[in-house]
Structure formats: C-alpha cells, structure tokens
Amino acid sequence: MKNSNMGYLALDVDIYPKLIEKYPELTKEVSIYEKEKGGVCRWTENKSESGKNEFDTYNMEKMDRKSKEILENIINPKYTDIEKTLAIYKHINEKVSFEMKLMNLEKEIRRDDKKSEILFNDNRSRIQMLNQRLNRKQSSYNAIISNRAVCEGIAHMMHYMLTSVGVESKVIGCIGKNVENTKTPYKERLNHAAIKVKNGENWYYYDPTWDLGSKKLKNIFKTKKEFGKDHTLTFREEEVKEPEIKEYSNKELNQKIKKVVKDQKNMIIGKEERITRNDNKIFRGLKKLYNKFGITREEIEVEKENIFDIGLNDKEMFSKQHQDLNNQKNKEKNIEREEI
C-alpha cells in the first residue's frame, strides 16, 4: 500500500518470496517506481511492540538472494514439510550466533538517559545509522546476511526461509521462564521470540535461539502444552489447539535430523565435485589457449579469475598446473636451442 503521509510504498517482507517467484521482474519494476516517483519502497517486518524493521528493495533483494543460496545447499526438493523445517532449524543451530555485542550496547545506552535522548531524537546521520544498526539486530536481514541476531531476528530468519520453501509459520512473542535454558537473568527476560510451524493441520513450537550451538536440539516440534513448560505464551496462542496425537516421536525426529544432516553433507560434496569438474574444463580450455597463442601465465590467471570464482585450494592447484606448463614450455625452448 502507498503511505501518503510518509511518501513511500509499504510492502510486507512475507510476500517477497512469493512475488519474486510469480513476478521475476518485480525488483526491476519497483526500482523504476522509486526512480520516477522519487520515493522509496520499504519492505517491512514487524518487530514486537517497539516498532518494525524496514528494508529498501536493494537490501531485500540481497537478503533473498543469500537466503536462496543457503536453501539450495540444505533443502532437497523432495523433502516433506517437517524435513524442510528441521533442515532450516539445523542450519540456524550450526551457523547463527546470538548478537550479544549490540544487545549489551543498547542496554548501556538505555541506562544513560542522556545517551538515550540522543539516540532516539538526534537526526544526525551517524546517530541514525547507529539506531538502525541496533534495530536490525532483531531482523531476519542481520541473521541471514551476518549470521548474528537476537531471538527475534533468529525467529524471523527461520520464518522467512520457511515461507520461501512453502511452509506456513508465524513468529510469536513469549517470555522464557526456564533459567537453565538461557544465560539472560530472569528479571531481564521480559520479552522473547520463538516460532510456531504448521505441520498438517496442527501447529508445533520451536525455539531456535535456545538451541544455538547445541548438539542436542531440545526445543523442536513442541506442542503448546510442552512449549508452555519453559515459555509463558501470550493470549494470542489461546486459539491454538493441542494435537490429538503428536505426529512424530523424539526417536523419529532424531532420525529425520540425522537424515537432513547427512543430506547436507552430500550436497556440499556434490557441489565441490561440480566445481572441480568446472575448474578442470576451464583449465583445459585455458591450456589450449596457452599452447596455441603462447599466452603468459599471468594473463591466464586474470582470465581464470574473471571466468570463475575459486577458493584458495583451487588457486594453489591452478598455480601448480600453470607452473608445470611454464616448465614444460621452457624445456621445449631449451631443446629447440640445443637443436639449433
């Protein structure tokens, strides 16, 4: 919708994956709109009672592109909804960290009335950038791009990725009440964020923040009753019904987790093998150019970097192969001189 008071087009982050899938040229069209109208399109993501996160189209596209790259490496198209959910949860568990640094900085600022006044009322660009940085710790953008966020950003990351693969979910507000499951002192744990995911006709609860870095996932696929033992839920969850029969036992869940972890390793190995095959094809092509036109090693290095982005190990391999080619070429020249 168009916000006439603020002069920008407000769109919900949730609709971006579906819109891009249905209308691939959307980003281009929005950019044209921004240019012609002089306004800015803002993709918004709700952020509890304190406000909302907003992204321009450039950053929205950047986040979506990174999300798709991750999903390509962890999701098999044949996965069921529960397997998709566990694959995304496991990725967050292994790759994302809690943003303690920005959290502590914000607490320090809020404890000082003078600093708080400057932060929330000063219009200088440097102050605004700091305020934006503090707010983004609660966003899916920070979690996906930087692999760091607080509980709400982590829950939003999981929600965005699930939406991208067609699984229904909702970020929920709650209060964590089990001191053993979190390092945050009880008196400071006023707000927390988790996520509920629909599986079949039932909703199940997950807390990815509490499982960050843990080898054993204790906060997955919980019924409302089970989740309520460690979390105080809001009145919004009253309408959620308990499933008559829980669809998967802990043993079945562990088997599915092992499956997605094994699949992810195989996907990585397969990708590395494809890269190696591509590298070999590129090298053979460059070798032909070298032999035919006498292109120098340095020129091949430049062309190789332009054609394909390779890692350090690949660079060492190519350097060794090019060195071998140079040695072979020098031997041929020496033989020619000796014959003359």
Protein backbone atom coordinates (compact mmCIF):
# COMPACT_ATOMS: atom_id res chain seq x y z
CA MET A 1 0.00 0.00 0.00
CA LYS A 2 1.08 3.59 -0.54
CA ASN A 3 1.80 5.58 2.59
CA SER A 4 0.83 9.11 1.55
CA ASN A 5 1.98 10.68 4.80
CA MET A 6 5.50 9.23 4.66
CA GLY A 7 5.89 9.15 0.88
CA TYR A 8 6.80 5.52 0.34
CA LEU A 9 5.26 2.26 -0.79
CA ALA A 10 4.95 -0.09 2.20
CA LEU A 11 5.13 -3.82 1.45
CA ASP A 12 5.31 -6.81 3.78
CA VAL A 13 8.54 -8.83 3.81
CA ASP A 14 6.46 -12.03 3.90
CA ILE A 15 5.13 -11.53 0.39
CA TYR A 16 8.54 -11.00 -1.24
CA PRO A 17 9.45 -14.69 -1.96
CA LYS A 18 6.03 -15.41 -3.49
CA LEU A 19 6.01 -12.20 -5.54
CA ILE A 20 9.50 -12.81 -6.89
CA GLU A 21 8.55 -16.36 -7.85
CA LYS A 22 5.40 -15.19 -9.65
CA TYR A 23 6.79 -11.90 -10.99
CA PRO A 24 10.57 -12.25 -11.53
CA GLU A 25 10.81 -8.65 -12.83
CA LEU A 26 9.30 -7.19 -9.68
CA THR A 27 12.55 -5.81 -8.29
CA LYS A 28 13.24 -4.02 -11.57
CA GLU A 29 9.74 -2.54 -11.64
CA VAL A 30 9.96 -1.37 -8.04
CA SER A 31 13.33 0.27 -8.78
CA ILE A 32 11.73 2.13 -11.71
CA TYR A 33 8.91 3.24 -9.41
CA GLU A 34 11.41 4.53 -6.87
CA LYS A 35 13.29 6.43 -9.55
CA GLU A 36 10.23 8.00 -11.19
CA LYS A 37 8.32 8.90 -8.04
CA GLY A 38 11.30 10.00 -6.03
CA GLY A 39 10.09 7.95 -3.06
CA VAL A 40 11.45 4.76 -1.56
CA CYS A 41 9.79 1.37 -1.37
CA ARG A 42 10.04 -0.10 2.12
CA TRP A 43 9.69 -3.79 2.90
CA THR A 44 8.55 -4.03 6.50
CA GLU A 45 8.96 -6.74 9.09
CA ASN A 46 7.01 -6.47 12.33
CA LYS A 47 9.14 -6.19 15.44
CA SER A 48 7.09 -6.70 18.64
CA GLU A 49 5.61 -3.64 20.31
CA SER A 50 8.67 -1.41 19.83
CA GLY A 51 8.34 -0.89 16.10
CA LYS A 52 9.26 -2.61 12.87
CA ASN A 53 12.26 -3.34 10.69
CA GLU A 54 12.32 -1.74 7.26
CA PHE A 55 14.43 -2.62 4.21
CA ASP A 56 14.76 -0.94 0.85
CA THR A 57 14.47 -3.05 -2.30
CA TYR A 58 18.24 -3.36 -2.71
CA ASN A 59 18.72 -4.92 0.74
CA MET A 60 15.57 -7.01 0.38
CA GLU A 61 16.93 -8.49 -2.85
CA LYS A 62 20.32 -9.04 -1.20
CA MET A 63 18.75 -10.90 1.72
CA ASP A 64 16.54 -13.01 -0.54
CA ARG A 65 19.49 -13.95 -2.76
CA LYS A 66 21.54 -15.07 0.27
CA SER A 67 18.56 -16.99 1.64
CA LYS A 68 18.15 -18.85 -1.66
CA GLU A 69 21.87 -19.73 -1.70
CA ILE A 70 21.55 -21.26 1.77
CA LEU A 71 18.36 -23.14 0.92
CA GLU A 72 19.90 -24.63 -2.23
CA ASN A 73 22.56 -26.22 -0.02
CA ILE A 74 20.26 -27.61 2.68
CA ILE A 75 16.87 -28.38 1.12
CA ASN A 76 16.12 -31.36 -1.09
CA PRO A 77 13.11 -30.63 -3.36
CA LYS A 78 11.61 -33.98 -2.28
CA TYR A 79 11.60 -33.05 1.42
CA THR A 80 8.37 -33.10 3.43
CA ASP A 81 7.41 -30.02 5.47
CA ILE A 82 8.91 -31.45 8.67
CA GLU A 83 12.19 -32.25 6.87
CA LYS A 84 12.35 -28.72 5.44
CA THR A 85 11.71 -27.31 8.91
CA LEU A 86 14.39 -29.43 10.56
CA ALA A 87 16.94 -28.69 7.81
CA ILE A 88 16.48 -24.93 8.27
CA TYR A 89 16.48 -25.26 12.08
CA LYS A 90 19.70 -27.28 11.97
CA HIS A 91 21.38 -24.70 9.72
CA ILE A 92 20.49 -21.93 12.18
CA ASN A 93 21.66 -24.11 15.08
CA GLU A 94 25.11 -24.52 13.48
CA LYS A 95 25.70 -21.20 11.67
CA VAL A 96 23.98 -18.39 13.58
CA SER A 97 25.25 -16.71 16.76
CA PHE A 98 23.44 -14.60 19.34
CA GLU A 99 24.16 -10.88 18.89
CA MET A 100 25.36 -10.15 22.41
CA LYS A 101 27.59 -7.19 21.48
CA LEU A 102 24.79 -4.98 20.11
CA MET A 103 22.44 -6.15 22.85
CA ASN A 104 24.87 -5.01 25.53
CA LEU A 105 25.50 -1.72 23.70
CA GLU A 106 21.78 -0.96 23.61
CA LYS A 107 21.42 -1.79 27.31
CA GLU A 108 24.30 0.55 28.12
CA ILE A 109 22.71 3.36 26.11
CA ARG A 110 19.27 2.84 27.67
CA ARG A 111 20.75 3.00 31.17
CA ASP A 112 22.05 6.50 30.41
CA ASP A 113 19.20 9.00 29.96
CA LYS A 114 21.40 11.46 28.07
CA LYS A 115 22.61 8.84 25.61
CA SER A 116 19.06 7.55 25.13
CA GLU A 117 17.81 11.05 24.37
CA ILE A 118 20.49 11.49 21.72
CA LEU A 119 19.94 8.06 20.18
CA PHE A 120 16.19 8.34 19.76
CA ASN A 121 15.83 12.05 18.96
CA ASP A 122 19.03 13.13 17.17
CA ASN A 123 18.63 13.38 13.38
CA ARG A 124 22.33 13.33 12.54
CA SER A 125 23.11 10.61 10.01
CA ARG A 126 25.74 8.96 12.24
CA ILE A 127 23.26 8.64 15.11
CA GLN A 128 20.54 7.38 12.77
CA MET A 129 22.90 4.73 11.40
CA LEU A 130 23.66 3.53 14.94
CA ASN A 131 19.94 3.40 15.73
CA GLN A 132 19.29 1.42 12.55
CA ARG A 133 22.12 -0.96 13.38
CA LEU A 134 20.71 -1.57 16.85
CA ASN A 135 17.23 -2.19 15.45
CA ARG A 136 18.48 -4.60 12.82
CA LYS A 137 19.80 -6.98 15.44
CA GLN A 138 16.15 -8.04 15.66
CA SER A 139 15.76 -8.56 11.90
CA SER A 140 15.90 -11.51 9.55
CA TYR A 141 18.33 -9.40 7.47
CA ASN A 142 21.03 -9.46 10.15
CA ALA A 143 20.52 -13.14 10.86
CA ILE A 144 20.71 -14.16 7.18
CA ILE A 145 23.42 -11.77 5.97
CA SER A 146 25.64 -11.59 9.07
CA ASN A 147 24.72 -14.84 10.85
CA ARG A 148 24.17 -12.79 14.01
CA ALA A 149 20.94 -11.58 15.64
CA VAL A 150 18.93 -11.65 18.83
CA CYS A 151 15.98 -14.00 19.37
CA GLU A 152 13.51 -12.09 17.20
CA GLY A 153 15.88 -11.82 14.26
CA ILE A 154 16.64 -15.54 14.51
CA ALA A 155 12.95 -16.42 14.58
CA HIS A 156 12.30 -14.10 11.61
CA MET A 157 15.13 -15.76 9.67
CA MET A 158 13.55 -19.17 10.18
CA HIS A 159 10.14 -17.77 9.25
CA TYR A 160 11.43 -16.14 6.05
CA MET A 161 13.20 -19.31 4.91
CA LEU A 162 10.18 -21.48 5.68
CA THR A 163 7.97 -19.08 3.71
CA SER A 164 10.42 -19.35 0.80
CA VAL A 165 10.00 -23.14 0.68
CA GLY A 166 6.23 -23.10 1.14
CA VAL A 167 5.92 -23.98 4.83
CA GLU A 168 3.48 -21.95 6.94
CA SER A 169 4.86 -20.42 10.13
CA LYS A 170 4.44 -17.45 12.48
CA VAL A 171 6.88 -15.64 14.77
CA ILE A 172 5.46 -15.44 18.29
CA GLY A 173 6.18 -13.30 21.31
CA CYS A 174 6.62 -15.00 24.67
CA ILE A 175 8.58 -14.95 27.93
CA GLY A 176 11.27 -17.53 28.59
CA LYS A 177 10.87 -18.78 32.16
CA ASN A 178 13.40 -21.60 32.42
CA VAL A 179 16.60 -20.07 33.81
CA GLU A 180 18.64 -23.17 32.88
CA ASN A 181 17.90 -22.70 29.17
CA THR A 182 19.20 -19.16 28.85
CA LYS A 183 22.09 -17.03 30.10
CA THR A 184 19.84 -13.97 30.46
CA PRO A 185 18.93 -13.20 34.10
CA TYR A 186 15.26 -13.86 34.87
CA LYS A 187 14.43 -10.24 35.71
CA GLU A 188 15.72 -9.13 32.31
CA ARG A 189 13.86 -11.79 30.35
CA LEU A 190 10.72 -9.76 29.77
CA ASN A 191 10.49 -10.39 26.05
CA HIS A 192 11.46 -13.35 23.94
CA ALA A 193 10.61 -14.54 20.44
CA ALA A 194 10.12 -18.05 19.10
CA ILE A 195 8.23 -19.56 16.17
CA LYS A 196 5.33 -21.91 15.52
CA VAL A 197 5.24 -24.03 12.37
CA LYS A 198 2.24 -25.74 10.83
CA ASN A 199 2.61 -29.44 10.13
CA GLY A 200 -0.51 -30.94 8.59
CA GLU A 201 -3.44 -29.45 10.49
CA ASN A 202 -1.51 -28.78 13.71
CA TRP A 203 0.86 -26.10 14.99
CA TYR A 204 4.14 -27.01 16.69
CA TYR A 205 6.52 -24.67 18.52
CA TYR A 206 10.27 -24.18 18.10
CA ASP A 207 12.83 -22.00 19.90
CA PRO A 208 15.91 -21.77 17.63
CA THR A 209 17.62 -19.24 19.92
CA TRP A 210 17.79 -21.59 22.88
CA ASP A 211 19.35 -24.31 20.71
CA LEU A 212 22.08 -22.17 19.10
CA GLY A 213 25.35 -24.12 19.03
CA SER A 214 23.87 -27.06 20.93
CA LYS A 215 24.50 -30.60 19.69
CA LYS A 216 21.22 -31.81 21.16
CA LEU A 217 18.12 -29.99 19.91
CA LYS A 218 15.77 -29.71 22.89
CA ASN A 219 13.35 -27.06 21.65
CA ILE A 220 11.88 -28.50 18.47
CA PHE A 221 8.44 -29.77 17.46
CA LYS A 222 6.74 -28.99 20.79
CA THR A 223 3.00 -28.95 21.33
CA LYS A 224 1.62 -25.82 23.01
CA LYS A 225 1.41 -27.69 26.32
CA GLU A 226 5.01 -28.91 26.06
CA PHE A 227 6.30 -25.49 24.98
CA GLY A 228 4.40 -23.80 27.80
CA LYS A 229 6.53 -25.58 30.39
CA ASP A 230 9.51 -23.33 29.53
CA HIS A 231 7.74 -20.37 27.88
CA THR A 232 4.92 -18.11 29.00
CA LEU A 233 2.77 -17.69 25.89
CA THR A 234 0.60 -14.65 25.12
CA PHE A 235 -3.19 -14.64 24.82
CA ARG A 236 -2.77 -14.87 21.02
CA GLU A 237 -1.88 -18.54 21.40
CA GLU A 238 -5.10 -19.42 23.22
CA GLU A 239 -6.80 -20.32 19.94
CA VAL A 240 -4.11 -22.90 19.07
CA LYS A 241 -5.45 -26.39 19.72
CA GLU A 242 -3.43 -29.27 21.08
CA PRO A 243 -2.96 -32.06 18.50
CA GLU A 244 -4.87 -35.21 19.38
CA ILE A 245 -1.83 -37.30 18.53
CA LYS A 246 1.68 -35.92 18.17
CA GLU A 247 2.76 -36.84 14.65
CA TYR A 248 6.40 -37.73 15.37
CA SER A 249 8.11 -39.23 18.40
CA ASN A 250 11.50 -37.95 19.60
CA LYS A 251 13.11 -41.03 18.07
CA GLU A 252 11.53 -40.31 14.68
CA LEU A 253 12.60 -36.65 14.88
CA ASN A 254 16.19 -37.66 15.65
CA GLN A 255 16.18 -39.97 12.64
CA LYS A 256 14.94 -37.14 10.42
CA ILE A 257 17.59 -34.78 11.81
CA LYS A 258 20.31 -37.32 11.02
CA LYS A 259 18.88 -37.67 7.52
CA VAL A 260 18.92 -33.92 6.74
CA VAL A 261 22.45 -33.56 8.21
CA LYS A 262 23.68 -36.43 6.02
CA ASP A 263 21.91 -34.95 3.00
CA GLN A 264 23.54 -31.55 3.62
CA LYS A 265 27.00 -33.14 3.69
CA ASN A 266 26.25 -34.98 0.44
CA MET A 267 25.01 -31.74 -1.16
CA ILE A 268 28.25 -29.99 -0.19
CA ILE A 269 30.35 -32.87 -1.54
CA GLY A 270 28.32 -32.88 -4.76
CA LYS A 271 28.76 -29.14 -5.16
CA GLU A 272 32.52 -29.41 -4.60
CA GLU A 273 32.71 -32.15 -7.23
CA ARG A 274 30.80 -29.98 -9.72
CA ILE A 275 33.17 -27.08 -9.01
CA THR A 276 36.17 -29.37 -9.56
CA ARG A 277 34.74 -30.57 -12.88
CA ASN A 278 34.11 -26.97 -13.95
CA ASP A 279 37.64 -26.00 -12.88
CA ASN A 280 39.09 -28.82 -14.96
CA LYS A 281 37.06 -27.78 -18.01
CA ILE A 282 38.22 -24.18 -17.61
CA PHE A 283 41.83 -25.28 -17.19
CA ARG A 284 41.73 -27.46 -20.30
CA GLY A 285 40.32 -24.54 -22.28
CA LEU A 286 42.98 -22.17 -20.95
CA LYS A 287 45.69 -24.74 -21.65
CA LYS A 288 44.63 -24.84 -25.31
CA LEU A 289 44.89 -21.05 -25.48
CA TYR A 290 48.32 -21.22 -23.87
CA ASN A 291 49.62 -23.79 -26.33
CA LYS A 292 48.09 -22.10 -29.35
CA PHE A 293 48.85 -18.46 -28.70
CA GLY A 294 51.61 -18.53 -26.08
CA ILE A 295 49.53 -16.61 -23.53
CA THR A 296 51.51 -15.95 -20.36
CA ARG A 297 50.70 -17.44 -17.00
CA GLU A 298 49.76 -14.02 -15.63
CA GLU A 299 47.25 -13.47 -18.43
CA ILE A 300 45.71 -16.87 -17.79
CA GLU A 301 45.38 -16.05 -14.08
CA VAL A 302 43.48 -12.86 -14.92
CA GLU A 303 41.13 -14.65 -17.32
CA LYS A 304 40.64 -17.51 -14.90
CA GLU A 305 39.59 -15.14 -12.09
CA ASN A 306 37.14 -13.40 -14.42
CA ILE A 307 35.59 -16.67 -15.55
CA PHE A 308 35.23 -18.43 -12.24
CA ASP A 309 35.45 -17.51 -8.58
CA ILE A 310 37.62 -20.14 -6.94
CA GLY A 311 38.87 -20.79 -3.45
CA LEU A 312 42.39 -20.80 -2.03
CA ASN A 313 42.94 -24.52 -2.59
CA ASP A 314 41.86 -24.20 -6.20
CA LYS A 315 44.22 -21.25 -6.69
CA GLU A 316 47.13 -23.35 -5.41
CA MET A 317 46.15 -26.15 -7.77
CA PHE A 318 45.93 -23.81 -10.75
CA SER A 319 49.24 -22.13 -9.83
CA LYS A 320 50.98 -25.51 -9.69
CA GLN A 321 49.48 -26.59 -13.01
CA HIS A 322 50.46 -23.32 -14.64
CA GLN A 323 53.96 -23.62 -13.24
CA ASP A 324 54.19 -27.10 -14.75
CA LEU A 325 53.08 -25.67 -18.07
CA ASN A 326 55.73 -22.95 -17.89
CA ASN A 327 58.41 -25.50 -17.04
CA GLN A 328 57.30 -27.64 -19.97
CA LYS A 329 57.39 -24.62 -22.28
CA ASN A 330 60.88 -23.66 -21.10
CA LYS A 331 62.13 -27.22 -21.65
CA GLU A 332 60.78 -27.12 -25.20
CA LYS A 333 62.57 -23.84 -25.83
CA ASN A 334 65.84 -25.22 -24.44
CA ILE A 335 65.53 -28.31 -26.65
CA GLU A 336 64.95 -26.06 -29.66
CA ARG A 337 68.08 -24.02 -28.84
CA GLU A 338 70.17 -27.19 -28.42
CA GLU A 339 68.98 -28.47 -31.80
CA ILE A 340 69.93 -25.18 -33.45
